[in-house]
Structures are given as C-alpha cells and as structure tokens.
C-alpha cells in the first residue's frame, strides 16, 4: 500500500531512475519490521471491522441528503483505492513494506498525495461513519485516522531507506489530502 510500484510512462520519478539500492535485487527487511507491519495491518482491519459492525445510536441525525453525500463519498473512496492499487501493479503489498517490484511512484494519483490508497480508505470509512450517524463508529474512525497516520509515517521510513529520491518527493507532496502543505 505504499507509493511504489512498477514503472509506467510518466509515473516513475525520472530523477530517481531505478530503485536506489546498493544491490538491485536485494531489499533487506528485518523480522521485527515484518511483525510490526503485520500488527499495523491487523489493527487497521480490527478498526475497519468496528466501523462496519458497531451499532448506530449515540450520535447525530442523518438527513437524506447527508446519506446520499456519504454514499457518494464511499464510492469515490473505493474508486481511489482501486485506481491507486492498480497503479502499483506488482509493487502492491498487503503490508507497509515495499517489495522487490517496488519503484518510486510520483505520477497519477501519487502526484497529488503520497498515500492515495490510505486517502481512499479514510474517505470511504469516514463517509460511511458520517452517514451512519453513530458516535461509536466516529470514535473508531478517529482511532483509525490516528493508526493510518502512524502507519504511513512508519512506511515512509522504509521508503526513505529504499529510495534516495523519496525525501524530496515527500517534501513536495502531501501525505493524504491534495493541496495540504506537508509539514517539514
């Protein structure tokens, strides 16, 4: 789910060229990193499950226009996730560690944000939460937002190790929200 994937015209950072590694076919990941990555993904799915399954009530009224707007947000979020995941091709991973097929992506949706899959996930789950009118789901969404932010930062440390051009890309590209100026 990283900002990496196979090269397509205009989507690979020309300044980065091939992946910046000492040995082109070697990418060392520690067992501790794999455990942490799996824990982050597990926690993400637990929170998504809570958002989907927690009861309504203890919340706010949801007028019909808000239900429609929320449904549109869910659809747009799913479309963003699908487009971003498809753009990664064989570089897409279930964990936030770039795989051996990964290349720095800076085009398409990755030109607008560093983590468009996370953007789509947050839009989908946030829109669902707002449309449900559930305070319990809102609490789970806030926890998901905090987790995804921490997960993205953790992933960015690995992307920085993997790609010398990643810090420059990160400095000019917001993490989740297009147009949001990244913090230095």
C-alpha atoms as a PDB file:
ATOM      1  CA  UNK A   1       0.000   0.000   0.000  1.00  0.00           C
ATOM      2  CA  UNK A   2       2.955   2.126  -0.442  1.00  0.00           C
ATOM      3  CA  UNK A   3       3.668   4.820  -3.005  1.00  0.00           C
ATOM      4  CA  UNK A   4       5.618   2.368  -5.081  1.00  0.00           C
ATOM      5  CA  UNK A   5       5.018   0.054  -7.997  1.00  0.00           C
ATOM      6  CA  UNK A   6       6.119  -0.977 -11.484  1.00  0.00           C
ATOM      7  CA  UNK A   7       7.169   1.707 -13.935  1.00  0.00           C
ATOM      8  CA  UNK A   8       4.775   3.231 -16.434  1.00  0.00           C
ATOM      9  CA  UNK A   9       5.455   6.244 -18.629  1.00  0.00           C
ATOM     10  CA  UNK A  10       5.257   9.381 -16.517  1.00  0.00           C
ATOM     11  CA  UNK A  11       4.746   7.508 -13.268  1.00  0.00           C
ATOM     12  CA  UNK A  12       8.324   6.803 -12.223  1.00  0.00           C
ATOM     13  CA  UNK A  13      10.308   9.699 -10.857  1.00  0.00           C
ATOM     14  CA  UNK A  14      12.872  10.376 -13.596  1.00  0.00           C
ATOM     15  CA  UNK A  15      15.283  11.774 -11.016  1.00  0.00           C
ATOM     16  CA  UNK A  16      15.009   8.538  -9.065  1.00  0.00           C
ATOM     17  CA  UNK A  17      15.531   6.218 -12.029  1.00  0.00           C
ATOM     18  CA  UNK A  18      15.811   2.634 -10.883  1.00  0.00           C
ATOM     19  CA  UNK A  19      15.310   1.852  -7.223  1.00  0.00           C
ATOM     20  CA  UNK A  20      18.103   3.334  -5.129  1.00  0.00           C
ATOM     21  CA  UNK A  21      19.677   0.245  -3.634  1.00  0.00           C
ATOM     22  CA  UNK A  22      23.237  -0.943  -3.277  1.00  0.00           C
ATOM     23  CA  UNK A  23      22.299  -4.215  -4.973  1.00  0.00           C
ATOM     24  CA  UNK A  24      19.380  -4.054  -7.453  1.00  0.00           C
ATOM     25  CA  UNK A  25      17.787  -7.345  -6.422  1.00  0.00           C
ATOM     26  CA  UNK A  26      18.280  -7.113  -2.657  1.00  0.00           C
ATOM     27  CA  UNK A  27      15.920  -5.453  -0.200  1.00  0.00           C
ATOM     28  CA  UNK A  28      16.603  -6.389   3.404  1.00  0.00           C
ATOM     29  CA  UNK A  29      13.691  -6.328   5.825  1.00  0.00           C
ATOM     30  CA  UNK A  30      14.099  -7.467   9.413  1.00  0.00           C
ATOM     31  CA  UNK A  31      11.805  -9.948  11.132  1.00  0.00           C
ATOM     32  CA  UNK A  32      10.873  -7.205  13.609  1.00  0.00           C
ATOM     33  CA  UNK A  33       9.774  -4.960  10.738  1.00  0.00           C
ATOM     34  CA  UNK A  34       7.615  -7.731   9.305  1.00  0.00           C
ATOM     35  CA  UNK A  35       5.991  -8.295  12.716  1.00  0.00           C
ATOM     36  CA  UNK A  36       5.354  -4.567  13.143  1.00  0.00           C
ATOM     37  CA  UNK A  37       3.910  -4.306   9.627  1.00  0.00           C
ATOM     38  CA  UNK A  38       1.570  -7.229  10.250  1.00  0.00           C
ATOM     39  CA  UNK A  39       0.489  -5.741  13.578  1.00  0.00           C
ATOM     40  CA  UNK A  40      -0.304  -2.405  11.899  1.00  0.00           C
ATOM     41  CA  UNK A  41      -2.386  -4.138   9.215  1.00  0.00           C
ATOM     42  CA  UNK A  42      -4.191  -6.285  11.801  1.00  0.00           C
ATOM     43  CA  UNK A  43      -5.047  -3.222  13.892  1.00  0.00           C
ATOM     44  CA  UNK A  44      -6.282  -1.466  10.753  1.00  0.00           C
ATOM     45  CA  UNK A  45      -8.636  -4.350   9.921  1.00  0.00           C
ATOM     46  CA  UNK A  46      -9.895  -4.533  13.507  1.00  0.00           C
ATOM     47  CA  UNK A  47     -10.786  -0.831  13.419  1.00  0.00           C
ATOM     48  CA  UNK A  48     -12.407  -1.166   9.984  1.00  0.00           C
ATOM     49  CA  UNK A  49     -14.418  -4.091  11.351  1.00  0.00           C
ATOM     50  CA  UNK A  50     -15.553  -1.973  14.295  1.00  0.00           C
ATOM     51  CA  UNK A  51     -16.596   0.836  11.974  1.00  0.00           C
ATOM     52  CA  UNK A  52     -18.610  -1.629   9.891  1.00  0.00           C
ATOM     53  CA  UNK A  53     -20.170  -3.560  12.784  1.00  0.00           C
ATOM     54  CA  UNK A  54     -20.647  -1.169  15.696  1.00  0.00           C
ATOM     55  CA  UNK A  55     -24.268  -0.268  16.358  1.00  0.00           C
ATOM     56  CA  UNK A  56     -25.837   3.022  15.441  1.00  0.00           C
ATOM     57  CA  UNK A  57     -27.267   5.350  18.030  1.00  0.00           C
ATOM     58  CA  UNK A  58     -25.479   7.721  20.390  1.00  0.00           C
ATOM     59  CA  UNK A  59     -24.817  10.025  17.522  1.00  0.00           C
ATOM     60  CA  UNK A  60     -26.476  12.548  15.283  1.00  0.00           C
ATOM     61  CA  UNK A  61     -29.440  12.670  12.931  1.00  0.00           C
ATOM     62  CA  UNK A  62     -28.685  11.847   9.314  1.00  0.00           C
ATOM     63  CA  UNK A  63     -30.965  13.617   6.831  1.00  0.00           C
ATOM     64  CA  UNK A  64     -31.470  12.013   3.394  1.00  0.00           C
ATOM     65  CA  UNK A  65     -29.123  14.472   1.651  1.00  0.00           C
ATOM     66  CA  UNK A  66     -26.329  13.511   4.054  1.00  0.00           C
ATOM     67  CA  UNK A  67     -26.943   9.795   3.421  1.00  0.00           C
ATOM     68  CA  UNK A  68     -26.597  10.423  -0.327  1.00  0.00           C
ATOM     69  CA  UNK A  69     -23.488  12.537   0.145  1.00  0.00           C
ATOM     70  CA  UNK A  70     -21.988   9.852   2.389  1.00  0.00           C
ATOM     71  CA  UNK A  71     -22.796   7.135  -0.161  1.00  0.00           C
ATOM     72  CA  UNK A  72     -21.063   9.212  -2.848  1.00  0.00           C
ATOM     73  CA  UNK A  73     -18.035   9.613  -0.557  1.00  0.00           C
ATOM     74  CA  UNK A  74     -17.881   5.847  -0.049  1.00  0.00           C
ATOM     75  CA  UNK A  75     -17.983   5.249  -3.826  1.00  0.00           C
ATOM     76  CA  UNK A  76     -15.323   7.876  -4.545  1.00  0.00           C
ATOM     77  CA  UNK A  77     -13.103   6.459  -1.790  1.00  0.00           C
ATOM     78  CA  UNK A  78     -13.397   2.923  -3.166  1.00  0.00           C
ATOM     79  CA  UNK A  79     -12.606   4.191  -6.680  1.00  0.00           C
ATOM     80  CA  UNK A  80      -9.499   5.985  -5.385  1.00  0.00           C
ATOM     81  CA  UNK A  81      -8.297   2.817  -3.635  1.00  0.00           C
ATOM     82  CA  UNK A  82      -8.849   0.724  -6.763  1.00  0.00           C
ATOM     83  CA  UNK A  83      -7.093   3.197  -9.066  1.00  0.00           C
ATOM     84  CA  UNK A  84      -4.148   3.632  -6.701  1.00  0.00           C
ATOM     85  CA  UNK A  85      -3.796  -0.094  -6.089  1.00  0.00           C
ATOM     86  CA  UNK A  86      -3.985  -0.868  -9.793  1.00  0.00           C
ATOM     87  CA  UNK A  87      -1.298   1.732 -10.489  1.00  0.00           C
ATOM     88  CA  UNK A  88       1.069  -0.141  -8.172  1.00  0.00           C
ATOM     89  CA  UNK A  89       0.675  -3.417 -10.043  1.00  0.00           C
ATOM     90  CA  UNK A  90       3.159  -5.976  -8.701  1.00  0.00           C
ATOM     91  CA  UNK A  91       4.500  -3.354  -6.280  1.00  0.00           C
ATOM     92  CA  UNK A  92       1.257  -3.505  -4.248  1.00  0.00           C
ATOM     93  CA  UNK A  93       1.729  -5.238  -0.909  1.00  0.00           C
ATOM     94  CA  UNK A  94      -0.581  -6.178   1.942  1.00  0.00           C
ATOM     95  CA  UNK A  95       1.900  -4.737   4.432  1.00  0.00           C
ATOM     96  CA  UNK A  96       3.531  -1.285   4.530  1.00  0.00           C
ATOM     97  CA  UNK A  97       6.921  -2.547   3.342  1.00  0.00           C
ATOM     98  CA  UNK A  98       7.972  -2.069  -0.296  1.00  0.00           C
ATOM     99  CA  UNK A  99       8.504  -5.377  -2.084  1.00  0.00           C
ATOM    100  CA  UNK A 100      11.161  -6.301  -4.663  1.00  0.00           C
ATOM    101  CA  UNK A 101       8.978  -4.996  -7.525  1.00  0.00           C
ATOM    102  CA  UNK A 102       8.539  -1.557  -5.954  1.00  0.00           C
ATOM    103  CA  UNK A 103       9.563   1.638  -7.715  1.00  0.00           C
ATOM    104  CA  UNK A 104       9.038   5.187  -6.544  1.00  0.00           C
ATOM    105  CA  UNK A 105       5.704   6.397  -7.919  1.00  0.00           C
ATOM    106  CA  UNK A 106       5.233  10.118  -8.477  1.00  0.00           C
ATOM    107  CA  UNK A 107       2.612  10.264 -11.254  1.00  0.00           C
ATOM    108  CA  UNK A 108      -1.153   9.878 -11.445  1.00  0.00           C
ATOM    109  CA  UNK A 109      -2.791   9.892  -8.029  1.00  0.00           C
ATOM    110  CA  UNK A 110       0.693   9.701  -6.475  1.00  0.00           C
ATOM    111  CA  UNK A 111       1.393  13.163  -7.892  1.00  0.00           C
ATOM    112  CA  UNK A 112      -1.389  14.543  -5.670  1.00  0.00           C
ATOM    113  CA  UNK A 113      -0.774  12.571  -2.452  1.00  0.00           C
ATOM    114  CA  UNK A 114       1.875  10.149  -1.201  1.00  0.00           C
ATOM    115  CA  UNK A 115      -0.651   7.570   0.026  1.00  0.00           C
ATOM    116  CA  UNK A 116      -3.755   7.590  -2.197  1.00  0.00           C
ATOM    117  CA  UNK A 117      -4.830   4.120  -1.013  1.00  0.00           C
ATOM    118  CA  UNK A 118      -4.927   5.424   2.560  1.00  0.00           C
ATOM    119  CA  UNK A 119      -6.713   8.558   1.328  1.00  0.00           C
ATOM    120  CA  UNK A 120      -9.389   6.396  -0.303  1.00  0.00           C
ATOM    121  CA  UNK A 121      -9.653   4.198   2.779  1.00  0.00           C
ATOM    122  CA  UNK A 122     -10.099   7.199   5.070  1.00  0.00           C
ATOM    123  CA  UNK A 123     -12.635   8.795   2.713  1.00  0.00           C
ATOM    124  CA  UNK A 124     -14.610   5.545   2.485  1.00  0.00           C
ATOM    125  CA  UNK A 125     -14.634   4.833   6.209  1.00  0.00           C
ATOM    126  CA  UNK A 126     -15.181   8.486   7.141  1.00  0.00           C
ATOM    127  CA  UNK A 127     -18.114   8.882   4.742  1.00  0.00           C
ATOM    128  CA  UNK A 128     -19.640   5.622   5.990  1.00  0.00           C
ATOM    129  CA  UNK A 129     -19.255   6.835   9.575  1.00  0.00           C
ATOM    130  CA  UNK A 130     -20.840  10.229   8.906  1.00  0.00           C
ATOM    131  CA  UNK A 131     -23.720   8.593   7.023  1.00  0.00           C
ATOM    132  CA  UNK A 132     -24.348   6.170   9.887  1.00  0.00           C
ATOM    133  CA  UNK A 133     -24.880   8.850  12.498  1.00  0.00           C
ATOM    134  CA  UNK A 134     -23.055   6.677  15.034  1.00  0.00           C
ATOM    135  CA  UNK A 135     -20.891   8.179  17.740  1.00  0.00           C
ATOM    136  CA  UNK A 136     -19.381   4.741  18.394  1.00  0.00           C
ATOM    137  CA  UNK A 137     -18.291   4.494  14.772  1.00  0.00           C
ATOM    138  CA  UNK A 138     -16.949   8.049  14.961  1.00  0.00           C
ATOM    139  CA  UNK A 139     -14.708   7.035  17.873  1.00  0.00           C
ATOM    140  CA  UNK A 140     -13.454   4.024  15.895  1.00  0.00           C
ATOM    141  CA  UNK A 141     -12.831   6.285  12.877  1.00  0.00           C
ATOM    142  CA  UNK A 142     -10.741   8.705  14.968  1.00  0.00           C
ATOM    143  CA  UNK A 143      -8.672   5.728  16.146  1.00  0.00           C
ATOM    144  CA  UNK A 144      -8.340   4.552  12.511  1.00  0.00           C
ATOM    145  CA  UNK A 145      -7.181   8.015  11.429  1.00  0.00           C
ATOM    146  CA  UNK A 146      -4.503   8.001  14.152  1.00  0.00           C
ATOM    147  CA  UNK A 147      -3.417   4.475  13.209  1.00  0.00           C
ATOM    148  CA  UNK A 148      -3.241   5.194   9.461  1.00  0.00           C
ATOM    149  CA  UNK A 149      -1.191   8.328  10.150  1.00  0.00           C
ATOM    150  CA  UNK A 150       1.255   6.340  12.288  1.00  0.00           C
ATOM    151  CA  UNK A 151       1.322   3.524   9.722  1.00  0.00           C
ATOM    152  CA  UNK A 152       2.076   5.966   6.881  1.00  0.00           C
ATOM    153  CA  UNK A 153       4.927   7.542   8.859  1.00  0.00           C
ATOM    154  CA  UNK A 154       6.342   4.088   9.630  1.00  0.00           C
ATOM    155  CA  UNK A 155       6.080   3.128   5.952  1.00  0.00           C
ATOM    156  CA  UNK A 156       7.748   6.378   4.873  1.00  0.00           C
ATOM    157  CA  UNK A 157      10.811   5.481   6.945  1.00  0.00           C
ATOM    158  CA  UNK A 158      11.160   2.303   4.849  1.00  0.00           C
ATOM    159  CA  UNK A 159      10.521   4.164   1.599  1.00  0.00           C
ATOM    160  CA  UNK A 160      13.222   6.667   2.537  1.00  0.00           C
ATOM    161  CA  UNK A 161      15.669   3.821   3.141  1.00  0.00           C
ATOM    162  CA  UNK A 162      14.704   2.235  -0.162  1.00  0.00           C
ATOM    163  CA  UNK A 163      14.589   5.296  -2.425  1.00  0.00           C
ATOM    164  CA  UNK A 164      17.058   8.196  -2.206  1.00  0.00           C
ATOM    165  CA  UNK A 165      14.554  10.457  -4.003  1.00  0.00           C
ATOM    166  CA  UNK A 166      11.735   9.795  -1.513  1.00  0.00           C
ATOM    167  CA  UNK A 167      12.537  12.685   0.886  1.00  0.00           C
ATOM    168  CA  UNK A 168      12.299  15.227  -1.977  1.00  0.00           C
ATOM    169  CA  UNK A 169       9.040  13.657  -3.165  1.00  0.00           C
ATOM    170  CA  UNK A 170       7.664  13.722   0.394  1.00  0.00           C
ATOM    171  CA  UNK A 171       8.683  17.374   0.841  1.00  0.00           C
ATOM    172  CA  UNK A 172       6.608  18.477  -2.162  1.00  0.00           C
ATOM    173  CA  UNK A 173       3.669  16.034  -1.915  1.00  0.00           C
ATOM    174  CA  UNK A 174       1.079  15.945   0.871  1.00  0.00           C
ATOM    175  CA  UNK A 175       0.538  12.692   2.731  1.00  0.00           C
ATOM    176  CA  UNK A 176      -3.260  12.242   2.407  1.00  0.00           C
ATOM    177  CA  UNK A 177      -5.062  15.425   1.326  1.00  0.00           C
ATOM    178  CA  UNK A 178      -4.342  17.064  -2.056  1.00  0.00           C
ATOM    179  CA  UNK A 179      -3.229  20.678  -1.644  1.00  0.00           C
ATOM    180  CA  UNK A 180      -2.443  20.280   2.059  1.00  0.00           C
ATOM    181  CA  UNK A 181       1.083  21.606   2.561  1.00  0.00           C
ATOM    182  CA  UNK A 182       3.307  18.911   4.040  1.00  0.00           C
ATOM    183  CA  UNK A 183       4.987  19.673   7.353  1.00  0.00           C
ATOM    184  CA  UNK A 184       8.763  19.799   7.380  1.00  0.00           C
END
